[in-house]
Amino acid sequence: MLKEFEKLKLENLTLKSNINLLKFAIENLNDKDVNFYTGFSSRAVFNEVLNFLNPGPNGENMILNTANIDNIDEIQCNVKSGRPRKLSPENQFLMFLCRVKVGLFEYDLSNRFGVSISTVSNVLISWANFCYQRLGTLNIWPSKKQVFQYMPQSFKEKYPSTRVIIDCTEIKVEMSSSLLLKSQTYSNYKSANTLKGLIGISPSGSVSFVSQLFTGCISDREITERSGFLQLPFDKGDSIMADKGFNIQDLLDEVHVKLNIPPFLGMYDQMAGGDVLRTQSIAAERIHVERAINKIKSFHIFDQVIPLSLMGSINQIWTVCALLTLFQEPIISVS
């Protein structure tokens, strides 16, 4: 009888071990898996970012949103006793990245991680706020010396004074029942309800400015004024590169910055040869900001129409996704 009991006990331990191996968790992912689910090139990079965020061994450095959680023990820990959570901070971070990077739905994440949907929702909101606060401490605006040091040769030859390249982008959001908000978020450009953000990158391709999100009806000029972009520490003689929709030279004059945009073409005008070449030259360099925006939008949460339930967190999610690209492979290789 005792031998039979020991045999059953061993089988039970083996089954538990096998279940752990099958469990979707960061400790069971290889570098290729980590790259797919998080956008980071390896488990080592994942760990470096997590160490920077520093949630604490049991998440004690975080303020978790615990509203409407079915089972508080799924994420709550007793700091005094050191009792770990069912879902460790590492796997909470993985869950958050799976939601924003891969676009996995909350029901899917609930099954993968073995927790309730309410726990998934609260972990996502908590980590969006936590990452927003921690990543927000990064100084992403490089000095003029740093910009020139890492500037690609093509920029140095043609536009050496370029400090930043800017462009706007939009993400679709669920239509509000409020007529006012519905009209404010409607974008004629997208023919949909959207939120709009301004992104700036250095000539080397790294994100150097991220605005908050504004309602989709806002113009490029107005978002430049309201986003805080003009309050950045420019140096006299700097120039910025933008699309021709940014009619902002008068605003930049106040901070002694030049605007490089493609030449305008009137309705009945024919573009001169020099203007054609200048347009092509600027477009060739501006394409990098489009690539940077595409990199942000490779976070597949933006593939979907953002539901009203996420409107309270979408600005944090947007900013976090933009800043997380700084930990990914660069879009421009600078020798």
C-alpha atoms as a PDB file:
ATOM      1  CA  MET A   1       0.000   0.000   0.000  1.00  0.00           C
ATOM      2  CA  LEU A   2       2.834   2.406   0.910  1.00  0.00           C
ATOM      3  CA  LYS A   3       4.664   1.648  -2.338  1.00  0.00           C
ATOM      4  CA  GLU A   4       1.466   2.243  -4.299  1.00  0.00           C
ATOM      5  CA  PHE A   5       0.995   5.589  -2.528  1.00  0.00           C
ATOM      6  CA  GLU A   6       4.576   6.636  -3.317  1.00  0.00           C
ATOM      7  CA  LYS A   7       4.057   5.643  -6.943  1.00  0.00           C
ATOM      8  CA  LEU A   8       0.875   7.735  -7.204  1.00  0.00           C
ATOM      9  CA  LYS A   9       2.626  10.639  -5.508  1.00  0.00           C
ATOM     10  CA  LEU A  10       5.471  10.471  -8.038  1.00  0.00           C
ATOM     11  CA  GLU A  11       3.012  10.314 -10.929  1.00  0.00           C
ATOM     12  CA  ASN A  12       1.208  13.345  -9.517  1.00  0.00           C
ATOM     13  CA  LEU A  13       4.451  15.319  -9.308  1.00  0.00           C
ATOM     14  CA  THR A  14       5.332  14.296 -12.863  1.00  0.00           C
ATOM     15  CA  LEU A  15       1.946  15.448 -14.147  1.00  0.00           C
ATOM     16  CA  LYS A  16       2.299  18.770 -12.329  1.00  0.00           C
ATOM     17  CA  SER A  17       5.748  19.183 -13.845  1.00  0.00           C
ATOM     18  CA  ASN A  18       4.385  18.469 -17.323  1.00  0.00           C
ATOM     19  CA  ILE A  19       1.587  21.001 -16.800  1.00  0.00           C
ATOM     20  CA  ASN A  20       4.164  23.639 -15.859  1.00  0.00           C
ATOM     21  CA  LEU A  21       6.120  22.865 -19.017  1.00  0.00           C
ATOM     22  CA  LEU A  22       2.984  23.343 -21.105  1.00  0.00           C
ATOM     23  CA  LYS A  23       2.013  26.542 -19.295  1.00  0.00           C
ATOM     24  CA  PHE A  24       2.280  29.767 -21.279  1.00  0.00           C
ATOM     25  CA  ALA A  25       4.887  31.670 -19.281  1.00  0.00           C
ATOM     26  CA  ILE A  26       8.030  33.689 -19.921  1.00  0.00           C
ATOM     27  CA  GLU A  27      10.233  30.968 -18.432  1.00  0.00           C
ATOM     28  CA  ASN A  28       8.995  28.558 -21.112  1.00  0.00           C
ATOM     29  CA  LEU A  29       9.663  30.821 -24.111  1.00  0.00           C
ATOM     30  CA  ASN A  30      12.792  30.793 -26.249  1.00  0.00           C
ATOM     31  CA  ASP A  31      14.249  33.893 -27.927  1.00  0.00           C
ATOM     32  CA  LYS A  32      12.211  33.366 -31.104  1.00  0.00           C
ATOM     33  CA  ASP A  33       9.009  33.136 -29.051  1.00  0.00           C
ATOM     34  CA  VAL A  34       9.955  36.210 -27.034  1.00  0.00           C
ATOM     35  CA  ASN A  35      10.563  38.176 -30.228  1.00  0.00           C
ATOM     36  CA  PHE A  36       7.163  37.174 -31.609  1.00  0.00           C
ATOM     37  CA  TYR A  37       5.133  37.888 -28.474  1.00  0.00           C
ATOM     38  CA  THR A  38       6.969  40.983 -27.201  1.00  0.00           C
ATOM     39  CA  GLY A  39       8.910  42.571 -30.067  1.00  0.00           C
ATOM     40  CA  PHE A  40      12.157  42.283 -28.095  1.00  0.00           C
ATOM     41  CA  SER A  41      14.979  40.428 -29.817  1.00  0.00           C
ATOM     42  CA  SER A  42      15.640  38.029 -26.926  1.00  0.00           C
ATOM     43  CA  ARG A  43      14.774  36.964 -23.403  1.00  0.00           C
ATOM     44  CA  ALA A  44      17.813  38.950 -22.238  1.00  0.00           C
ATOM     45  CA  VAL A  45      16.350  42.188 -23.639  1.00  0.00           C
ATOM     46  CA  PHE A  46      12.987  41.359 -22.032  1.00  0.00           C
ATOM     47  CA  ASN A  47      14.775  41.000 -18.688  1.00  0.00           C
ATOM     48  CA  GLU A  48      16.703  44.260 -19.177  1.00  0.00           C
ATOM     49  CA  VAL A  49      13.504  46.206 -19.836  1.00  0.00           C
ATOM     50  CA  LEU A  50      11.792  44.551 -16.869  1.00  0.00           C
ATOM     51  CA  ASN A  51      14.758  45.398 -14.632  1.00  0.00           C
ATOM     52  CA  PHE A  52      14.521  49.022 -15.734  1.00  0.00           C
ATOM     53  CA  LEU A  53      10.797  49.101 -14.993  1.00  0.00           C
ATOM     54  CA  ASN A  54      11.518  47.481 -11.604  1.00  0.00           C
ATOM     55  CA  PRO A  55       8.066  46.302 -10.458  1.00  0.00           C
ATOM     56  CA  GLY A  56       9.718  44.504  -7.515  1.00  0.00           C
ATOM     57  CA  PRO A  57      10.116  40.723  -6.971  1.00  0.00           C
ATOM     58  CA  ASN A  58       6.438  40.420  -6.045  1.00  0.00           C
ATOM     59  CA  GLY A  59       5.239  43.592  -7.743  1.00  0.00           C
ATOM     60  CA  GLU A  60       5.457  45.666  -4.575  1.00  0.00           C
ATOM     61  CA  ASN A  61       6.609  48.750  -6.524  1.00  0.00           C
ATOM     62  CA  MET A  62       3.372  48.808  -8.516  1.00  0.00           C
ATOM     63  CA  ILE A  63      -0.059  50.122  -7.681  1.00  0.00           C
ATOM     64  CA  LEU A  64      -2.374  47.506  -9.114  1.00  0.00           C
ATOM     65  CA  ASN A  65      -5.865  48.277 -10.280  1.00  0.00           C
ATOM     66  CA  THR A  66      -7.831  45.672  -8.296  1.00  0.00           C
ATOM     67  CA  ALA A  67     -11.343  46.827  -9.130  1.00  0.00           C
ATOM     68  CA  ASN A  68     -13.793  44.072 -10.110  1.00  0.00           C
ATOM     69  CA  ILE A  69     -11.246  41.238  -9.831  1.00  0.00           C
ATOM     70  CA  ASP A  70     -12.931  37.885  -9.241  1.00  0.00           C
ATOM     71  CA  ASN A  71      -9.966  36.359  -7.406  1.00  0.00           C
ATOM     72  CA  ILE A  72      -7.614  38.877  -5.805  1.00  0.00           C
ATOM     73  CA  ASP A  73      -5.046  36.138  -5.094  1.00  0.00           C
ATOM     74  CA  GLU A  74      -4.377  35.826  -8.825  1.00  0.00           C
ATOM     75  CA  ILE A  75      -2.352  39.032  -8.769  1.00  0.00           C
ATOM     76  CA  GLN A  76      -2.212  40.230  -5.162  1.00  0.00           C
ATOM     77  CA  CYS A  77       0.718  39.395  -2.909  1.00  0.00           C
ATOM     78  CA  ASN A  78       1.331  39.621   0.796  1.00  0.00           C
ATOM     79  CA  VAL A  79       4.497  41.726   0.867  1.00  0.00           C
ATOM     80  CA  LYS A  80       5.173  41.074   4.557  1.00  0.00           C
ATOM     81  CA  SER A  81       5.057  37.310   4.198  1.00  0.00           C
ATOM     82  CA  GLY A  82       6.605  37.368   0.740  1.00  0.00           C
ATOM     83  CA  ARG A  83       3.865  35.115  -0.630  1.00  0.00           C
ATOM     84  CA  PRO A  84       4.212  35.243  -4.425  1.00  0.00           C
ATOM     85  CA  ARG A  85       1.332  35.931  -6.754  1.00  0.00           C
ATOM     86  CA  LYS A  86      -0.150  33.274  -8.973  1.00  0.00           C
ATOM     87  CA  LEU A  87       0.840  35.564 -11.835  1.00  0.00           C
ATOM     88  CA  SER A  88       4.393  36.842 -11.324  1.00  0.00           C
ATOM     89  CA  PRO A  89       5.409  40.373 -12.389  1.00  0.00           C
ATOM     90  CA  GLU A  90       7.405  38.817 -15.263  1.00  0.00           C
ATOM     91  CA  ASN A  91       4.321  37.094 -16.601  1.00  0.00           C
ATOM     92  CA  GLN A  92       2.108  40.104 -15.992  1.00  0.00           C
ATOM     93  CA  PHE A  93       4.513  42.076 -18.189  1.00  0.00           C
ATOM     94  CA  LEU A  94       4.411  39.277 -20.771  1.00  0.00           C
ATOM     95  CA  MET A  95       0.603  39.371 -20.673  1.00  0.00           C
ATOM     96  CA  PHE A  96       0.609  43.129 -21.240  1.00  0.00           C
ATOM     97  CA  LEU A  97       2.995  42.778 -24.195  1.00  0.00           C
ATOM     98  CA  CYS A  98       0.935  39.948 -25.697  1.00  0.00           C
ATOM     99  CA  ARG A  99      -2.077  42.263 -25.622  1.00  0.00           C
ATOM    100  CA  VAL A 100      -0.399  45.302 -27.155  1.00  0.00           C
ATOM    101  CA  LYS A 101       2.228  43.713 -29.431  1.00  0.00           C
ATOM    102  CA  VAL A 102       0.399  40.661 -30.773  1.00  0.00           C
ATOM    103  CA  GLY A 103      -3.115  41.990 -30.191  1.00  0.00           C
ATOM    104  CA  LEU A 104      -4.317  38.898 -28.328  1.00  0.00           C
ATOM    105  CA  PHE A 105      -7.808  39.311 -26.889  1.00  0.00           C
ATOM    106  CA  GLU A 106      -8.484  39.226 -23.164  1.00  0.00           C
ATOM    107  CA  TYR A 107     -10.388  35.925 -23.423  1.00  0.00           C
ATOM    108  CA  ASP A 108      -7.362  34.330 -25.096  1.00  0.00           C
ATOM    109  CA  LEU A 109      -5.004  35.724 -22.445  1.00  0.00           C
ATOM    110  CA  SER A 110      -7.303  34.464 -19.700  1.00  0.00           C
ATOM    111  CA  ASN A 111      -6.983  30.924 -21.064  1.00  0.00           C
ATOM    112  CA  ARG A 112      -3.257  31.132 -21.743  1.00  0.00           C
ATOM    113  CA  PHE A 113      -2.337  32.392 -18.287  1.00  0.00           C
ATOM    114  CA  GLY A 114      -5.025  30.536 -16.350  1.00  0.00           C
ATOM    115  CA  VAL A 115      -6.621  33.585 -14.720  1.00  0.00           C
ATOM    116  CA  SER A 116     -10.013  35.272 -14.924  1.00  0.00           C
ATOM    117  CA  ILE A 117     -10.865  37.833 -17.608  1.00  0.00           C
ATOM    118  CA  SER A 118     -11.326  40.487 -14.912  1.00  0.00           C
ATOM    119  CA  THR A 119      -7.767  39.795 -13.750  1.00  0.00           C
ATOM    120  CA  VAL A 120      -6.503  40.193 -17.321  1.00  0.00           C
ATOM    121  CA  SER A 121      -8.310  43.538 -17.685  1.00  0.00           C
ATOM    122  CA  ASN A 122      -6.895  44.900 -14.451  1.00  0.00           C
ATOM    123  CA  VAL A 123      -3.358  43.678 -15.137  1.00  0.00           C
ATOM    124  CA  LEU A 124      -3.432  45.417 -18.525  1.00  0.00           C
ATOM    125  CA  ILE A 125      -4.616  48.729 -17.085  1.00  0.00           C
ATOM    126  CA  SER A 126      -2.140  48.509 -14.199  1.00  0.00           C
ATOM    127  CA  TRP A 127       0.820  47.786 -16.468  1.00  0.00           C
ATOM    128  CA  ALA A 128      -0.174  50.470 -18.972  1.00  0.00           C
ATOM    129  CA  ASN A 129      -0.094  53.037 -16.164  1.00  0.00           C
ATOM    130  CA  PHE A 130       3.075  51.619 -14.589  1.00  0.00           C
ATOM    131  CA  CYS A 131       5.034  51.478 -17.874  1.00  0.00           C
ATOM    132  CA  TYR A 132       3.805  54.972 -18.760  1.00  0.00           C
ATOM    133  CA  GLN A 133       5.157  56.344 -15.485  1.00  0.00           C
ATOM    134  CA  ARG A 134       8.482  54.496 -15.603  1.00  0.00           C
ATOM    135  CA  LEU A 135       9.238  54.923 -19.319  1.00  0.00           C
ATOM    136  CA  GLY A 136       8.193  58.555 -18.983  1.00  0.00           C
ATOM    137  CA  THR A 137      11.346  59.142 -16.923  1.00  0.00           C
ATOM    138  CA  LEU A 138      13.501  58.473 -20.000  1.00  0.00           C
ATOM    139  CA  ASN A 139      15.081  61.520 -21.614  1.00  0.00           C
ATOM    140  CA  ILE A 140      14.409  60.677 -25.250  1.00  0.00           C
ATOM    141  CA  TRP A 141      15.285  64.135 -26.654  1.00  0.00           C
ATOM    142  CA  PRO A 142      18.952  63.895 -27.693  1.00  0.00           C
ATOM    143  CA  SER A 143      21.322  66.848 -27.607  1.00  0.00           C
ATOM    144  CA  LYS A 144      22.378  68.504 -30.855  1.00  0.00           C
ATOM    145  CA  LYS A 145      25.802  66.874 -30.477  1.00  0.00           C
ATOM    146  CA  GLN A 146      24.251  63.411 -30.072  1.00  0.00           C
ATOM    147  CA  VAL A 147      21.967  63.952 -33.064  1.00  0.00           C
ATOM    148  CA  PHE A 148      24.904  64.853 -35.314  1.00  0.00           C
ATOM    149  CA  GLN A 149      27.075  62.038 -33.926  1.00  0.00           C
ATOM    150  CA  TYR A 150      24.575  59.364 -34.981  1.00  0.00           C
ATOM    151  CA  MET A 151      23.255  61.149 -38.074  1.00  0.00           C
ATOM    152  CA  PRO A 152      23.364  59.071 -41.294  1.00  0.00           C
ATOM    153  CA  GLN A 153      25.783  60.356 -43.905  1.00  0.00           C
ATOM    154  CA  SER A 154      22.976  61.299 -46.312  1.00  0.00           C
ATOM    155  CA  PHE A 155      21.592  63.704 -43.707  1.00  0.00           C
ATOM    156  CA  LYS A 156      25.013  65.158 -42.957  1.00  0.00           C
ATOM    157  CA  GLU A 157      25.523  65.898 -46.636  1.00  0.00           C
ATOM    158  CA  LYS A 158      22.076  67.374 -47.396  1.00  0.00           C
ATOM    159  CA  TYR A 159      20.354  68.434 -44.158  1.00  0.00           C
ATOM    160  CA  PRO A 160      23.003  68.623 -41.410  1.00  0.00           C
ATOM    161  CA  SER A 161      20.965  70.994 -39.219  1.00  0.00           C
ATOM    162  CA  THR A 162      18.034  68.556 -38.936  1.00  0.00           C
ATOM    163  CA  ARG A 163      17.121  68.003 -35.287  1.00  0.00           C
ATOM    164  CA  VAL A 164      13.900  66.048 -35.705  1.00  0.00           C
ATOM    165  CA  ILE A 165      11.542  64.701 -38.371  1.00  0.00           C
ATOM    166  CA  ILE A 166       7.845  64.917 -37.512  1.00  0.00           C
ATOM    167  CA  ASP A 167       4.585  63.470 -38.748  1.00  0.00           C
ATOM    168  CA  CYS A 168       1.096  62.737 -37.469  1.00  0.00           C
ATOM    169  CA  THR A 169      -0.753  59.458 -37.414  1.00  0.00           C
ATOM    170  CA  GLU A 170      -4.217  58.306 -36.426  1.00  0.00           C
ATOM    171  CA  ILE A 171      -5.722  55.274 -34.707  1.00  0.00           C
ATOM    172  CA  LYS A 172      -9.356  54.257 -35.063  1.00  0.00           C
ATOM    173  CA  VAL A 173     -11.614  54.357 -32.013  1.00  0.00           C
ATOM    174  CA  GLU A 174     -15.118  53.150 -31.295  1.00  0.00           C
ATOM    175  CA  MET A 175     -17.816  55.701 -32.029  1.00  0.00           C
ATOM    176  CA  SER A 176     -19.076  57.454 -28.911  1.00  0.00           C
ATOM    177  CA  SER A 177     -22.769  57.938 -28.174  1.00  0.00           C
ATOM    178  CA  SER A 178     -21.931  61.579 -27.413  1.00  0.00           C
ATOM    179  CA  LEU A 179     -22.679  63.694 -30.483  1.00  0.00           C
ATOM    180  CA  LEU A 180     -19.987  66.198 -29.490  1.00  0.00           C
ATOM    181  CA  LEU A 181     -17.270  63.570 -29.038  1.00  0.00           C
ATOM    182  CA  LYS A 182     -18.436  61.798 -32.181  1.00  0.00           C
ATOM    183  CA  SER A 183     -17.960  64.972 -34.228  1.00  0.00           C
ATOM    184  CA  GLN A 184     -14.622  65.807 -32.566  1.00  0.00           C
ATOM    185  CA  THR A 185     -13.121  62.377 -33.220  1.00  0.00           C
ATOM    186  CA  TYR A 186     -14.330  62.188 -36.825  1.00  0.00           C
ATOM    187  CA  SER A 187     -11.428  62.365 -39.255  1.00  0.00           C
ATOM    188  CA  ASN A 188     -12.153  63.407 -42.831  1.00  0.00           C
ATOM    189  CA  TYR A 189      -8.792  61.940 -43.835  1.00  0.00           C
ATOM    190  CA  LYS A 190      -9.652  58.480 -42.467  1.00  0.00           C
ATOM    191  CA  SER A 191     -13.457  58.759 -42.854  1.00  0.00           C
ATOM    192  CA  ALA A 192     -13.673  57.267 -39.379  1.00  0.00           C
ATOM    193  CA  ASN A 193     -13.591  58.213 -35.717  1.00  0.00           C
ATOM    194  CA  THR A 194      -9.958  58.510 -34.696  1.00  0.00           C
ATOM    195  CA  LEU A 195      -7.446  59.840 -32.218  1.00  0.00           C
ATOM    196  CA  LYS A 196      -4.389  61.613 -33.595  1.00  0.00           C
ATOM    197  CA  GLY A 197      -0.825  61.818 -32.323  1.00  0.00           C
ATOM    198  CA  LEU A 198       2.367  63.636 -33.315  1.00  0.00           C
ATOM    199  CA  ILE A 199       5.583  61.620 -33.520  1.00  0.00           C
ATOM    200  CA  GLY A 200       9.110  62.966 -33.852  1.00  0.00           C
ATOM    201  CA  ILE A 201      12.233  60.968 -34.643  1.00  0.00           C
ATOM    202  CA  SER A 202      15.893  61.900 -34.755  1.00  0.00           C
ATOM    203  CA  PRO A 203      17.689  61.527 -38.118  1.00  0.00           C
ATOM    204  CA  SER A 204      19.105  58.226 -36.819  1.00  0.00           C
ATOM    205  CA  GLY A 205      15.543  56.864 -36.633  1.00  0.00           C
ATOM    206  CA  SER A 206      14.868  56.678 -32.891  1.00  0.00           C
ATOM    207  CA  VAL A 207      11.719  58.165 -31.383  1.00  0.00           C
ATOM    208  CA  SER A 208      12.528  61.519 -29.772  1.00  0.00           C
ATOM    209  CA  PHE A 209       9.047  62.964 -29.238  1.00  0.00           C
ATOM    210  CA  VAL A 210       5.630  61.437 -28.554  1.00  0.00           C
ATOM    211  CA  SER A 211       2.600  63.657 -28.115  1.00  0.00           C
ATOM    212  CA  GLN A 212      -0.512  62.716 -26.237  1.00  0.00           C
ATOM    213  CA  LEU A 213      -3.467  61.712 -28.386  1.00  0.00           C
ATOM    214  CA  PHE A 214      -5.923  64.352 -29.584  1.00  0.00           C
ATOM    215  CA  THR A 215      -9.315  64.044 -31.254  1.00  0.00           C
ATOM    216  CA  GLY A 216      -9.068  63.143 -34.931  1.00  0.00           C
ATOM    217  CA  CYS A 217     -10.401  66.448 -36.269  1.00  0.00           C
ATOM    218  CA  ILE A 218      -7.342  68.394 -35.065  1.00  0.00           C
ATOM    219  CA  SER A 219      -5.061  69.895 -37.733  1.00  0.00           C
ATOM    220  CA  ASP A 220      -1.321  69.272 -38.004  1.00  0.00           C
ATOM    221  CA  ARG A 221      -0.691  72.908 -37.108  1.00  0.00           C
ATOM    222  CA  GLU A 222      -2.908  72.828 -34.023  1.00  0.00           C
ATOM    223  CA  ILE A 223      -1.428  69.578 -32.728  1.00  0.00           C
ATOM    224  CA  THR A 224       2.054  71.081 -33.116  1.00  0.00           C
ATOM    225  CA  GLU A 225       0.964  74.049 -31.005  1.00  0.00           C
ATOM    226  CA  ARG A 226      -0.893  72.083 -28.316  1.00  0.00           C
ATOM    227  CA  SER A 227       1.372  69.053 -27.926  1.00  0.00           C
ATOM    228  CA  GLY A 228       4.309  70.804 -26.263  1.00  0.00           C
ATOM    229  CA  PHE A 229       6.531  70.212 -29.294  1.00  0.00           C
ATOM    230  CA  LEU A 230       7.442  73.897 -29.584  1.00  0.00           C
ATOM    231  CA  GLN A 231       8.627  73.907 -25.966  1.00  0.00           C
ATOM    232  CA  LEU A 232      11.358  71.343 -26.666  1.00  0.00           C
ATOM    233  CA  PRO A 233      14.937  72.594 -26.047  1.00  0.00           C
ATOM    234  CA  PHE A 234      15.883  73.454 -29.628  1.00  0.00           C
ATOM    235  CA  ASP A 235      19.171  75.168 -30.450  1.00  0.00           C
ATOM    236  CA  LYS A 236      19.368  78.216 -32.668  1.00  0.00           C
ATOM    237  CA  GLY A 237      19.925  77.131 -36.269  1.00  0.00           C
ATOM    238  CA  ASP A 238      18.134  73.792 -35.893  1.00  0.00           C
ATOM    239  CA  SER A 239      15.774  72.648 -38.613  1.00  0.00           C
ATOM    240  CA  ILE A 240      12.924  70.177 -38.611  1.00  0.00           C
ATOM    241  CA  MET A 241      11.677  68.092 -41.498  1.00  0.00           C
ATOM    242  CA  ALA A 242       7.966  67.582 -42.107  1.00  0.00           C
ATOM    243  CA  ASP A 243       5.310  66.968 -44.730  1.00  0.00           C
ATOM    244  CA  LYS A 244       3.834  69.913 -46.617  1.00  0.00           C
ATOM    245  CA  GLY A 245       0.713  69.751 -44.419  1.00  0.00           C
ATOM    246  CA  PHE A 246       2.724  71.301 -41.586  1.00  0.00           C
ATOM    247  CA  ASN A 247       2.277  74.998 -42.331  1.00  0.00           C
ATOM    248  CA  ILE A 248       4.141  76.049 -39.187  1.00  0.00           C
ATOM    249  CA  GLN A 249       7.158  78.141 -40.207  1.00  0.00           C
ATOM    250  CA  ASP A 250       5.743  81.192 -38.399  1.00  0.00           C
ATOM    251  CA  LEU A 251       5.504  79.139 -35.189  1.00  0.00           C
ATOM    252  CA  LEU A 252       9.064  77.893 -35.613  1.00  0.00           C
ATOM    253  CA  ASP A 253      10.359  81.413 -36.229  1.00  0.00           C
ATOM    254  CA  GLU A 254       9.608  82.152 -32.574  1.00  0.00           C
ATOM    255  CA  VAL A 255      12.089  79.458 -31.497  1.00  0.00           C
ATOM    256  CA  HIS A 256      14.619  80.224 -34.295  1.00  0.00           C
ATOM    257  CA  VAL A 257      14.077  76.912 -36.086  1.00  0.00           C
ATOM    258  CA  LYS A 258      13.850  76.375 -39.846  1.00  0.00           C
ATOM    259  CA  LEU A 259      11.240  74.179 -41.531  1.00  0.00           C
ATOM    260  CA  ASN A 260      12.141  71.810 -44.368  1.00  0.00           C
ATOM    261  CA  ILE A 261       9.039  70.708 -46.256  1.00  0.00           C
ATOM    262  CA  PRO A 262       8.438  69.746 -49.909  1.00  0.00           C
ATOM    263  CA  PRO A 263       7.574  72.729 -52.153  1.00  0.00           C
ATOM    264  CA  PHE A 264       3.885  73.512 -52.592  1.00  0.00           C
ATOM    265  CA  LEU A 265       2.309  73.011 -55.997  1.00  0.00           C
ATOM    266  CA  GLY A 266      -0.498  75.364 -56.968  1.00  0.00           C
ATOM    267  CA  MET A 267      -3.554  74.138 -58.827  1.00  0.00           C
ATOM    268  CA  TYR A 268      -2.311  75.382 -62.196  1.00  0.00           C
ATOM    269  CA  ASP A 269       1.400  75.395 -61.501  1.00  0.00           C
ATOM    270  CA  GLN A 270       3.999  73.074 -62.873  1.00  0.00           C
ATOM    271  CA  MET A 271       6.770  72.138 -60.455  1.00  0.00           C
ATOM    272  CA  ALA A 272      10.189  73.391 -61.511  1.00  0.00           C
ATOM    273  CA  GLY A 273      13.001  70.890 -61.966  1.00  0.00           C
ATOM    274  CA  GLY A 274      14.807  72.054 -58.835  1.00  0.00           C
ATOM    275  CA  ASP A 275      11.627  71.716 -56.785  1.00  0.00           C
ATOM    276  CA  VAL A 276      11.111  68.183 -58.064  1.00  0.00           C
ATOM    277  CA  LEU A 277      14.597  67.207 -56.931  1.00  0.00           C
ATOM    278  CA  ARG A 278      14.111  68.900 -53.542  1.00  0.00           C
ATOM    279  CA  THR A 279      10.772  67.143 -53.062  1.00  0.00           C
ATOM    280  CA  GLN A 280      12.341  63.790 -53.865  1.00  0.00           C
ATOM    281  CA  SER A 281      15.301  64.495 -51.594  1.00  0.00           C
ATOM    282  CA  ILE A 282      13.120  65.410 -48.600  1.00  0.00           C
ATOM    283  CA  ALA A 283      10.802  62.471 -49.256  1.00  0.00           C
ATOM    284  CA  ALA A 284      13.768  60.084 -49.261  1.00  0.00           C
ATOM    285  CA  GLU A 285      14.752  61.225 -45.760  1.00  0.00           C
ATOM    286  CA  ARG A 286      11.211  61.699 -44.424  1.00  0.00           C
ATOM    287  CA  ILE A 287      10.374  58.084 -45.146  1.00  0.00           C
ATOM    288  CA  HIS A 288      12.144  57.155 -41.928  1.00  0.00           C
ATOM    289  CA  VAL A 289       9.477  58.817 -39.783  1.00  0.00           C
ATOM    290  CA  GLU A 290       6.864  56.786 -41.666  1.00  0.00           C
ATOM    291  CA  ARG A 291       8.876  53.662 -40.905  1.00  0.00           C
ATOM    292  CA  ALA A 292       9.031  54.649 -37.230  1.00  0.00           C
ATOM    293  CA  ILE A 293       5.256  55.150 -37.139  1.00  0.00           C
ATOM    294  CA  ASN A 294       4.762  51.792 -38.848  1.00  0.00           C
ATOM    295  CA  LYS A 295       6.962  50.270 -36.164  1.00  0.00           C
ATOM    296  CA  ILE A 296       4.693  51.705 -33.481  1.00  0.00           C
ATOM    297  CA  LYS A 297       1.669  50.441 -35.371  1.00  0.00           C
ATOM    298  CA  SER A 298       3.227  46.989 -35.557  1.00  0.00           C
ATOM    299  CA  PHE A 299       1.835  46.790 -32.037  1.00  0.00           C
ATOM    300  CA  HIS A 300      -1.258  45.010 -33.247  1.00  0.00           C
ATOM    301  CA  ILE A 301      -3.582  46.409 -30.613  1.00  0.00           C
ATOM    302  CA  PHE A 302      -3.823  49.328 -33.067  1.00  0.00           C
ATOM    303  CA  ASP A 303      -5.076  47.002 -35.831  1.00  0.00           C
ATOM    304  CA  GLN A 304      -8.391  46.904 -34.027  1.00  0.00           C
ATOM    305  CA  VAL A 305     -10.853  49.717 -33.429  1.00  0.00           C
ATOM    306  CA  ILE A 306     -10.013  50.827 -29.889  1.00  0.00           C
ATOM    307  CA  PRO A 307     -13.091  50.130 -27.710  1.00  0.00           C
ATOM    308  CA  LEU A 308     -14.604  52.773 -25.458  1.00  0.00           C
ATOM    309  CA  SER A 309     -13.599  50.623 -22.464  1.00  0.00           C
ATOM    310  CA  LEU A 310      -9.935  51.427 -23.234  1.00  0.00           C
ATOM    311  CA  MET A 311     -10.377  55.158 -23.787  1.00  0.00           C
ATOM    312  CA  GLY A 312      -9.185  55.894 -20.251  1.00  0.00           C
ATOM    313  CA  SER A 313      -5.907  54.047 -20.899  1.00  0.00           C
ATOM    314  CA  ILE A 314      -5.302  54.479 -24.616  1.00  0.00           C
ATOM    315  CA  ASN A 315      -3.042  57.522 -24.222  1.00  0.00           C
ATOM    316  CA  GLN A 316      -0.799  55.545 -21.860  1.00  0.00           C
ATOM    317  CA  ILE A 317      -0.826  52.506 -24.175  1.00  0.00           C
ATOM    318  CA  TRP A 318       0.012  54.668 -27.199  1.00  0.00           C
ATOM    319  CA  THR A 319       2.928  56.345 -25.435  1.00  0.00           C
ATOM    320  CA  VAL A 320       4.265  53.086 -23.988  1.00  0.00           C
ATOM    321  CA  CYS A 321       4.194  51.344 -27.382  1.00  0.00           C
ATOM    322  CA  ALA A 322       6.067  54.263 -28.961  1.00  0.00           C
ATOM    323  CA  LEU A 323       8.732  54.210 -26.234  1.00  0.00           C
ATOM    324  CA  LEU A 324       9.098  50.427 -26.313  1.00  0.00           C
ATOM    325  CA  THR A 325      10.368  50.723 -29.900  1.00  0.00           C
ATOM    326  CA  LEU A 326      13.531  52.220 -28.379  1.00  0.00           C
ATOM    327  CA  PHE A 327      14.335  48.745 -27.037  1.00  0.00           C
ATOM    328  CA  GLN A 328      13.835  47.077 -30.426  1.00  0.00           C
ATOM    329  CA  GLU A 329      16.159  46.785 -33.397  1.00  0.00           C
ATOM    330  CA  PRO A 330      16.820  50.229 -34.999  1.00  0.00           C
ATOM    331  CA  ILE A 331      15.205  51.127 -38.302  1.00  0.00           C
ATOM    332  CA  ILE A 332      18.422  52.708 -39.611  1.00  0.00           C
ATOM    333  CA  SER A 333      21.833  51.083 -39.377  1.00  0.00           C
ATOM    334  CA  VAL A 334      24.482  53.683 -38.641  1.00  0.00           C
ATOM    335  CA  SER A 335      28.059  52.504 -39.098  1.00  0.00           C
END
